[in-house]
Each structure stands twice: as C-alpha cells, then as structure tokens.
Amino acid sequence: MSLKIKVVGGGPAGLFFCYLMKKSFPNYQVEIVEQNPADATYGFGVVFSGRALSFLKQGDASVVERLKSNMQSWSDQHIVHKGQKVIIDGNSFSAIARITLLKELQALCRDIGVEMTFGKRIESEYPEDDCDILVAADGANSVTRDRYATEFQTQVQELENYFSWYGVETPYDAHTLTFIQQDDGVYCGHHYRYTPAMSTMVAEVDEQTWVSSGMQGMSNDERQIHFQNVFKETLDGKPLVSNRSTWQRWRLVKNGKWHHKNIVLIGDAQRSAHPSIGSGTRLAMEDAIDLWRALQTAGTDIQTAFEQYEKHRRPIREKLNSAAEKSIAWYEDIAKKMSLSPEELALDYMLRTGLMTPQRLAQDSPTFVARLAELGVPLAS
C-alpha cells in the first residue's frame, strides 16, 4: 500500500523527514509545501554540537558527512566577562549557513523524487483531507497546528528577555558568549562563525535593560545601532548585518498532544526550542528521525506510528524542555550574576541546566577545571 504524505514547512526538519521517508519508501508520494521561495532564508548560521551531529547520523550518516563539508568546526567554548576570555575545552561545535543547509537538503530531496512546492501558502481550510499524513513542520507560528489549537492543547508563553538575530563579517574562533555591563544594563551576545568570513550574532537583553537603555522606545534600526555600539570591540568595528532582524520576546510554545486525526507535529510547531539550550534545528531534525522510525515500524498503521513517535520522543523532549526552562531563568536573572568573576560566571553557566554535572565537566573539560582549581573556585557549592 502506498501512502500520500504532505509536509507543511520547508525548513530543515521538514526536508530531512521527506528525504528519509522517500528514501525508505520510494513508492510513497511525498510532498513538501513551503510558503517562502526556495532560496529565501531568514537567519544566518545554524550551530550543532558534536553530540547533536552524532544523533543526526542515526537518521542518515551520509547526509551528515555531506553537510560537514560545508561546516566550520571548533573544539572550545569561550565566555567573555569583564573583558576577560575564559576558555572551556572539550566542547565540540560545528556551524553551517542556514541557506546552505536548506539547499543541500533540497538537493537530496529533489534527487530521490520528493515533490517540492515553494512560494505557496496552504489555503485549504482542511489541508489534511487530501493526504494520508499531514506533517506540521511550519514552525512556532504554525498555521497547521493553530487550526486545531484546542485539540493539540496548545499553550503559548511569552518570555521576559528580548532577542534579535544578526550577522557580522567577523569570524570568531569559537562559540562565544560575551557579557557587557554598562550603567544602563547588561547585554549578552551569542556569536559563532558559520563560514570562513561570517558569524552569527544573537543579541539579547533582559527586561530591565530593555527599559533602562531606552531600547523599548527605539525602532529596530536604532536598536541595531545601539547594540552595535555596545559591542563595537567584540565586532572588531564591523557593522551588524540585518536580515529581517526584529527585536522580540521569545514565544515558548507547548502542546499537550502531538497528533490529531492524520496530523502530526514536529520541530517548533510541536515545541519551540529556546536558543540558549542548543540548536532548535537539531531538535527538530531529531523529531523527524523519530517520526520516520515510527512509520518504518508501524507501516501504514498511522495512529500506531504517531503514538510510538510521541511515546519515544516525549521523554527526551521533556528532559530537554526542563533544562531549557532552567537556562531561560539563568539568562533572565543575568544581572544578578555580573558580580561573579569570569571563571565563576563560566562555571555557573556550564552547570545552569543540571544536564552538565561537576563530575562530567571535570571529565569533559579538564583544562578549564584545572584552572578553576588554581583559582580556588569550587566545582560544587
């Protein structure tokens, strides 16, 4: 029996799922519909930890190897506080331009016969009616999900801090967090290179800084200039590059149910991933792998496949969601941590979610931990 599968949302998760399904079931009709043009992307680089890449290899190792040829990689993480850089060893990361990631996945899908439509919105009131499976991979603002918000038990929470995503022509040595305290507040920059010449810069301020700095009353262009001036030294004097870079609060989306009728949620449509805990792209692509595996096992028994997908994936997501909430609280409370020394702040950051224990940190980052010992900074309070 052949199934017709329609995926709404042509991001990395939707494309990866289509590729895996069409490769495993060549007789299935697999279609993806994306509202943006094929060559459009809103963002800059996407970062993956070494652990994340190992998880993605469980879907298709050859795809990950193909992507790695376009990636920038490094083995340290840097925390900059009070103008001092703290190096944390043992943290493997890689990054790729989001547009490159999309083009590679599009090419893989095209080569095996996935039907792809770009620049088209789903206008039908019931888009699930003309397919056997409808996969909602259309992000945190999923229209597909919101049609059945009650059935999915959708909850949306607006967080306190404000963010914006920029690029900059400054290639940083490693994934870096830079904290700058001024009279008008505390500023945080998350930055990492994704090509030999370009880096992502995620700008973040807490609510108090948003108000006291006057950013609340500024236009987006004025906010960009303001943040650029604060981080002038970090940016090596280069201007921030905008790509629809609006300042906004992060919307945390949760769903009590992951499937309804023949519709199933993956990625940010299912649960928005906070950027401070890791790549939302990685988590979404892992959702795609788990849904594909469930459909491999259950065959054409769609409801059983959906139940297996949620049963296996939900505990993993819940663990990460709990860690994300602790990380969110850490950043929202950042002003109280500015009195810490650079090394103390770096340690506090590494242990903020509970996923990293002092014992594991000592094993993974021996040079950093040895430096803490030299300074008399205890690993555990």
Protein backbone atom coordinates (compact mmCIF):
# COMPACT_ATOMS: atom_id res chain seq x y z
CA MET A 1 0.00 0.00 0.00
CA SER A 2 1.27 3.46 -0.89
CA LEU A 3 0.74 6.47 1.35
CA LYS A 4 0.46 10.12 0.40
CA ILE A 5 2.44 12.26 2.83
CA LYS A 6 2.26 16.05 2.80
CA VAL A 7 4.67 18.17 4.84
CA VAL A 8 3.88 21.82 5.52
CA GLY A 9 7.08 23.77 6.09
CA GLY A 10 10.27 23.51 4.07
CA GLY A 11 12.77 24.03 6.86
CA PRO A 12 15.50 21.53 7.80
CA ALA A 13 13.14 19.23 9.75
CA GLY A 14 10.51 19.04 7.02
CA LEU A 15 13.10 18.45 4.30
CA PHE A 16 15.02 15.84 6.31
CA PHE A 17 11.82 13.93 7.10
CA CYS A 18 10.80 13.94 3.42
CA TYR A 19 14.22 12.67 2.40
CA LEU A 20 14.19 9.85 4.95
CA MET A 21 10.65 8.77 4.05
CA LYS A 22 11.13 8.84 0.29
CA LYS A 23 14.43 7.00 0.56
CA SER A 24 12.84 4.27 2.69
CA PHE A 25 9.55 4.11 0.77
CA PRO A 26 10.14 5.02 -2.90
CA ASN A 27 6.52 4.14 -3.77
CA TYR A 28 5.09 6.71 -1.31
CA GLN A 29 4.02 10.10 -2.63
CA VAL A 30 5.97 12.56 -0.51
CA GLU A 31 5.25 16.26 -0.95
CA ILE A 32 6.53 19.37 0.81
CA VAL A 33 4.89 22.80 0.64
CA GLU A 34 6.76 25.93 1.77
CA GLN A 35 5.39 29.47 1.77
CA ASN A 36 8.79 31.11 1.11
CA PRO A 37 10.87 30.90 -2.08
CA ALA A 38 13.40 28.05 -2.26
CA ASP A 39 16.35 30.45 -1.98
CA ALA A 40 14.96 32.50 0.92
CA THR A 41 16.14 32.13 4.47
CA TYR A 42 15.69 34.35 7.46
CA GLY A 43 18.68 33.93 9.70
CA PHE A 44 22.38 33.33 9.36
CA GLY A 45 24.24 30.33 10.74
CA VAL A 46 22.98 27.17 12.44
CA VAL A 47 25.17 25.62 15.14
CA PHE A 48 25.34 21.95 16.13
CA SER A 49 27.24 20.37 18.99
CA GLY A 50 29.34 17.30 18.23
CA ARG A 51 26.82 15.28 20.24
CA ALA A 52 23.98 16.65 18.11
CA LEU A 53 25.70 15.58 14.89
CA SER A 54 26.18 12.09 16.29
CA PHE A 55 22.42 11.91 16.95
CA LEU A 56 21.60 13.12 13.43
CA LYS A 57 23.84 10.40 11.98
CA GLN A 58 21.29 7.90 13.29
CA GLY A 59 18.98 9.18 10.56
CA ASP A 60 21.49 9.09 7.71
CA ALA A 61 25.23 9.30 8.35
CA SER A 62 25.97 10.12 4.70
CA VAL A 63 23.80 13.24 4.89
CA VAL A 64 25.64 14.46 7.99
CA GLU A 65 29.01 13.85 6.32
CA ARG A 66 27.82 15.80 3.27
CA LEU A 67 26.76 18.70 5.47
CA LYS A 68 30.02 18.64 7.43
CA SER A 69 31.94 19.50 4.27
CA ASN A 70 30.20 22.91 4.42
CA MET A 71 30.68 23.45 8.15
CA GLN A 72 33.03 25.43 10.34
CA SER A 73 34.16 23.47 13.40
CA TRP A 74 35.95 24.14 16.69
CA SER A 75 36.59 22.36 19.97
CA ASP A 76 36.34 25.10 22.63
CA GLN A 77 33.71 27.41 24.01
CA HIS A 78 34.55 30.94 25.14
CA ILE A 79 32.89 33.02 27.85
CA VAL A 80 33.84 36.71 27.90
CA HIS A 81 33.02 38.61 31.10
CA LYS A 82 34.56 41.83 32.45
CA GLY A 83 36.66 41.90 29.29
CA GLN A 84 38.34 38.57 30.10
CA LYS A 85 38.00 35.47 27.93
CA VAL A 86 37.57 32.12 29.67
CA ILE A 87 38.27 29.07 27.50
CA ILE A 88 36.24 25.93 28.17
CA ASP A 89 37.82 22.95 26.46
CA GLY A 90 36.10 19.77 25.31
CA ASN A 91 33.11 21.45 23.66
CA SER A 92 32.84 20.28 20.07
CA PHE A 93 30.71 22.51 17.82
CA SER A 94 30.08 22.95 14.10
CA ALA A 95 28.09 25.58 12.23
CA ILE A 96 26.70 25.93 8.73
CA ALA A 97 24.98 28.74 6.85
CA ARG A 98 21.24 28.14 7.10
CA ILE A 99 20.78 28.74 3.36
CA THR A 100 23.49 26.16 2.61
CA LEU A 101 21.80 23.64 4.89
CA LEU A 102 18.49 24.20 3.14
CA LYS A 103 19.97 23.95 -0.36
CA GLU A 104 21.77 20.70 0.46
CA LEU A 105 18.62 19.13 1.88
CA GLN A 106 16.55 20.40 -1.06
CA ALA A 107 19.02 18.79 -3.47
CA LEU A 108 18.83 15.47 -1.61
CA CYS A 109 15.03 15.56 -1.73
CA ARG A 110 14.96 16.52 -5.38
CA ASP A 111 17.32 13.71 -6.35
CA ILE A 112 15.07 11.00 -4.90
CA GLY A 113 11.76 12.34 -6.16
CA VAL A 114 10.24 14.37 -3.33
CA GLU A 115 7.68 16.81 -4.76
CA MET A 116 8.58 20.32 -3.61
CA THR A 117 6.46 23.44 -3.95
CA PHE A 118 7.82 26.80 -2.83
CA GLY A 119 6.22 30.23 -2.57
CA LYS A 120 2.81 28.74 -1.76
CA ARG A 121 0.62 29.01 1.30
CA ILE A 122 -1.80 26.25 2.27
CA GLU A 123 -5.13 27.95 1.63
CA SER A 124 -7.42 24.96 2.17
CA GLU A 125 -9.37 25.01 5.42
CA TYR A 126 -8.77 21.27 5.80
CA PRO A 127 -5.38 20.53 4.17
CA GLU A 128 -5.31 17.12 5.87
CA ASP A 129 -8.20 15.88 3.73
CA ASP A 130 -6.18 15.21 0.56
CA CYS A 131 -3.38 13.12 2.12
CA ASP A 132 -2.88 10.18 4.43
CA ILE A 133 -0.46 12.01 6.69
CA LEU A 134 -0.04 15.75 7.19
CA VAL A 135 3.17 16.73 8.98
CA ALA A 136 3.13 20.18 10.53
CA ALA A 137 6.73 21.39 10.29
CA ASP A 138 5.81 25.05 9.88
CA GLY A 139 7.42 26.47 12.99
CA ALA A 140 6.36 28.05 16.26
CA ASN A 141 3.69 30.11 14.49
CA SER A 142 2.29 27.01 12.78
CA VAL A 143 -0.94 27.74 10.95
CA THR A 144 -1.47 23.99 10.55
CA ARG A 145 -1.35 23.45 14.32
CA ASP A 146 -3.34 26.55 15.19
CA ARG A 147 -6.34 25.29 13.20
CA TYR A 148 -6.67 22.67 15.93
CA ALA A 149 -5.14 24.50 18.89
CA THR A 150 -7.76 23.11 21.27
CA GLU A 151 -7.22 19.53 20.14
CA PHE A 152 -3.43 19.88 20.36
CA GLN A 153 -3.80 21.62 23.75
CA THR A 154 -1.52 24.39 22.56
CA GLN A 155 -0.05 26.76 25.14
CA VAL A 156 1.98 29.88 24.33
CA GLN A 157 4.08 31.73 26.90
CA GLU A 158 5.95 34.97 26.24
CA LEU A 159 9.33 35.09 27.99
CA GLU A 160 10.93 38.17 29.56
CA ASN A 161 14.17 38.74 27.62
CA TYR A 162 14.41 40.34 24.19
CA PHE A 163 16.35 38.89 21.24
CA SER A 164 17.38 39.67 17.70
CA TRP A 165 19.46 37.69 15.18
CA TYR A 166 22.20 39.41 13.18
CA GLY A 167 25.23 38.52 11.12
CA VAL A 168 28.68 40.13 11.15
CA GLU A 169 31.76 39.83 8.95
CA THR A 170 33.95 38.84 11.89
CA PRO A 171 34.99 35.17 12.04
CA TYR A 172 35.13 34.17 15.71
CA ASP A 173 37.45 31.42 16.90
CA ALA A 174 34.76 29.53 18.80
CA HIS A 175 31.20 29.58 20.02
CA THR A 176 31.35 32.61 22.32
CA LEU A 177 29.13 34.28 24.91
CA THR A 178 30.10 37.87 25.61
CA PHE A 179 28.56 39.75 28.54
CA ILE A 180 28.88 43.53 28.80
CA GLN A 181 27.65 45.50 31.77
CA GLN A 182 27.01 49.23 31.41
CA ASP A 183 25.26 51.82 33.52
CA ASP A 184 22.07 51.25 31.55
CA GLY A 185 22.04 47.46 31.90
CA VAL A 186 23.51 44.10 30.92
CA TYR A 187 23.97 42.98 27.30
CA CYS A 188 24.67 39.48 26.01
CA GLY A 189 25.97 38.44 22.61
CA HIS A 190 25.96 34.81 21.38
CA HIS A 191 28.34 34.63 18.43
CA TYR A 192 29.97 31.98 16.27
CA ARG A 193 31.30 31.75 12.73
CA TYR A 194 29.41 29.73 10.13
CA THR A 195 31.59 30.46 7.10
CA PRO A 196 35.30 31.39 6.97
CA ALA A 197 34.28 35.07 6.92
CA MET A 198 30.81 35.34 8.53
CA SER A 199 29.41 34.84 12.02
CA THR A 200 26.00 34.84 13.63
CA MET A 201 25.44 37.35 16.42
CA VAL A 202 22.38 36.77 18.58
CA ALA A 203 21.76 39.89 20.62
CA GLU A 204 19.97 39.62 23.96
CA VAL A 205 18.97 41.95 26.79
CA ASP A 206 16.89 41.41 29.92
CA GLU A 207 13.68 43.34 30.55
CA GLN A 208 15.34 45.83 32.89
CA THR A 209 17.96 46.72 30.28
CA TRP A 210 15.28 46.92 27.58
CA VAL A 211 13.61 49.71 29.55
CA SER A 212 16.57 51.48 31.21
CA SER A 213 18.62 51.68 27.98
CA GLY A 214 15.74 53.25 26.09
CA MET A 215 15.60 50.32 23.64
CA GLN A 216 11.92 49.92 24.42
CA GLY A 217 11.16 53.18 22.61
CA MET A 218 13.61 52.72 19.72
CA SER A 219 12.95 51.49 16.20
CA ASN A 220 14.57 48.20 15.15
CA ASP A 221 17.18 50.13 13.18
CA GLU A 222 18.02 52.24 16.23
CA ARG A 223 18.26 49.11 18.41
CA GLN A 224 20.67 47.58 15.91
CA ILE A 225 22.91 50.66 16.04
CA HIS A 226 22.71 50.76 19.84
CA PHE A 227 23.73 47.12 20.26
CA GLN A 228 26.41 47.56 17.61
CA ASN A 229 27.90 50.45 19.59
CA VAL A 230 27.85 48.46 22.84
CA PHE A 231 29.65 45.54 21.14
CA LYS A 232 31.93 47.65 18.94
CA GLU A 233 35.11 46.00 20.25
CA THR A 234 33.65 42.48 20.07
CA LEU A 235 32.54 43.13 16.48
CA ASP A 236 36.01 44.41 15.54
CA GLY A 237 34.32 47.61 14.46
CA LYS A 238 32.26 45.79 11.80
CA PRO A 239 28.57 46.63 11.34
CA LEU A 240 25.85 44.19 12.21
CA VAL A 241 24.07 42.71 9.19
CA SER A 242 20.29 42.58 9.35
CA ASN A 243 18.01 40.06 7.67
CA ARG A 244 14.52 40.87 8.90
CA SER A 245 16.21 41.16 12.29
CA THR A 246 13.40 42.32 14.54
CA TRP A 247 13.66 42.54 18.32
CA GLN A 248 11.09 40.45 20.10
CA ARG A 249 10.44 38.29 23.12
CA TRP A 250 10.80 34.56 22.67
CA ARG A 251 7.49 32.71 22.40
CA LEU A 252 7.59 29.38 24.20
CA VAL A 253 5.12 27.01 22.50
CA LYS A 254 4.00 23.76 24.11
CA ASN A 255 1.44 21.15 23.04
CA GLY A 256 -0.26 18.65 25.31
CA LYS A 257 -0.92 16.38 22.32
CA TRP A 258 1.38 15.87 19.34
CA HIS A 259 -1.12 14.40 16.88
CA HIS A 260 -4.76 14.80 15.91
CA LYS A 261 -6.63 12.99 13.14
CA ASN A 262 -3.94 12.39 10.50
CA ILE A 263 -1.89 15.45 11.53
CA VAL A 264 1.37 15.19 13.48
CA LEU A 265 3.64 17.94 14.84
CA ILE A 266 7.43 18.13 14.63
CA GLY A 267 10.01 20.79 15.41
CA ASP A 268 8.99 24.21 16.69
CA ALA A 269 5.37 23.53 15.71
CA GLN A 270 5.42 20.88 18.43
CA ARG A 271 7.66 22.65 20.95
CA SER A 272 9.69 25.80 20.36
CA ALA A 273 13.31 25.27 21.36
CA HIS A 274 14.96 28.08 23.27
CA PRO A 275 18.28 29.04 21.59
CA SER A 276 20.21 29.03 24.86
CA ILE A 277 19.85 25.25 25.29
CA GLY A 278 21.01 24.26 21.83
CA SER A 279 20.01 24.28 18.22
CA GLY A 280 16.29 24.18 17.59
CA THR A 281 17.23 22.90 14.16
CA ARG A 282 18.94 19.88 15.71
CA LEU A 283 15.93 19.09 17.92
CA ALA A 284 13.52 19.45 15.00
CA MET A 285 15.61 17.17 12.80
CA GLU A 286 15.71 14.60 15.60
CA ASP A 287 11.90 14.79 15.74
CA ALA A 288 11.92 13.99 12.03
CA ILE A 289 14.13 10.95 12.63
CA ASP A 290 11.88 9.60 15.37
CA LEU A 291 8.71 10.07 13.31
CA TRP A 292 10.37 8.33 10.35
CA ARG A 293 11.42 5.43 12.55
CA ALA A 294 7.90 5.06 13.94
CA LEU A 295 6.47 4.95 10.43
CA GLN A 296 9.04 2.36 9.44
CA THR A 297 7.96 0.16 12.35
CA ALA A 298 4.20 0.67 12.13
CA GLY A 299 3.94 0.74 8.35
CA THR A 300 0.58 2.09 7.20
CA ASP A 301 -0.93 1.96 10.70
CA ILE A 302 -0.69 5.71 11.06
CA GLN A 303 -2.19 6.12 14.52
CA THR A 304 0.10 3.47 15.98
CA ALA A 305 3.07 5.23 14.35
CA PHE A 306 2.03 8.57 15.85
CA GLU A 307 1.64 7.02 19.29
CA GLN A 308 5.05 5.32 19.07
CA TYR A 309 6.67 8.57 17.94
CA GLU A 310 5.24 10.52 20.87
CA LYS A 311 5.88 7.74 23.40
CA HIS A 312 9.56 7.55 22.46
CA ARG A 313 10.26 11.20 21.80
CA ARG A 314 8.27 12.93 24.55
CA PRO A 315 10.51 11.86 27.50
CA ILE A 316 13.58 13.07 25.60
CA ARG A 317 11.94 16.37 24.76
CA GLU A 318 10.62 16.79 28.31
CA LYS A 319 14.12 16.36 29.72
CA LEU A 320 15.47 19.00 27.34
CA ASN A 321 12.45 21.23 27.97
CA SER A 322 13.15 21.13 31.71
CA ALA A 323 16.77 22.06 31.04
CA ALA A 324 15.64 24.86 28.73
CA GLU A 325 13.43 26.36 31.41
CA LYS A 326 16.38 26.45 33.82
CA SER A 327 18.54 28.04 31.13
CA ILE A 328 15.85 30.64 30.41
CA ALA A 329 15.71 31.52 34.11
CA TRP A 330 19.52 31.83 34.17
CA TYR A 331 19.53 34.40 31.37
CA GLU A 332 16.55 36.29 32.75
CA ASP A 333 18.45 36.60 36.06
CA ILE A 334 21.76 37.55 34.43
CA ALA A 335 22.06 41.00 36.06
CA LYS A 336 22.48 39.37 39.49
CA LYS A 337 25.41 37.31 38.20
CA MET A 338 27.56 40.19 36.94
CA SER A 339 29.43 40.39 40.26
CA LEU A 340 30.87 36.90 39.68
CA SER A 341 34.43 36.56 38.43
CA PRO A 342 34.83 35.49 34.78
CA GLU A 343 35.67 31.93 35.83
CA GLU A 344 32.81 31.77 38.34
CA LEU A 345 30.35 33.00 35.72
CA ALA A 346 31.64 30.45 33.20
CA LEU A 347 31.20 27.64 35.72
CA ASP A 348 27.74 28.86 36.69
CA TYR A 349 26.81 28.94 33.01
CA MET A 350 28.05 25.41 32.35
CA LEU A 351 26.10 23.98 35.30
CA ARG A 352 22.93 26.09 34.83
CA THR A 353 20.63 23.35 33.46
CA GLY A 354 21.66 20.36 35.54
CA LEU A 355 22.43 18.35 32.39
CA MET A 356 26.12 19.05 32.94
CA THR A 357 27.28 17.81 36.34
CA PRO A 358 30.54 18.80 38.07
CA GLN A 359 31.80 15.25 37.57
CA ARG A 360 31.08 15.28 33.85
CA LEU A 361 32.56 18.76 33.48
CA ALA A 362 35.79 17.55 35.13
CA GLN A 363 35.92 14.70 32.61
CA ASP A 364 34.98 16.72 29.53
CA SER A 365 36.86 19.96 30.26
CA PRO A 366 39.96 19.07 32.33
CA THR A 367 41.93 22.21 31.41
CA PHE A 368 39.09 24.51 32.43
CA VAL A 369 38.52 22.62 35.69
CA ALA A 370 42.25 22.70 36.45
CA ARG A 371 42.18 26.48 36.02
CA LEU A 372 39.26 26.69 38.46
CA ALA A 373 41.28 24.68 40.98
CA GLU A 374 44.25 27.06 40.60
CA LEU A 375 41.97 29.99 41.40
CA GLY A 376 40.28 28.22 44.28
CA VAL A 377 36.86 28.17 42.59
CA PRO A 378 34.96 25.12 43.88
CA LEU A 379 33.19 22.93 41.32
CA ALA A 380 30.16 22.48 43.56
CA SER A 381 28.68 24.90 46.06
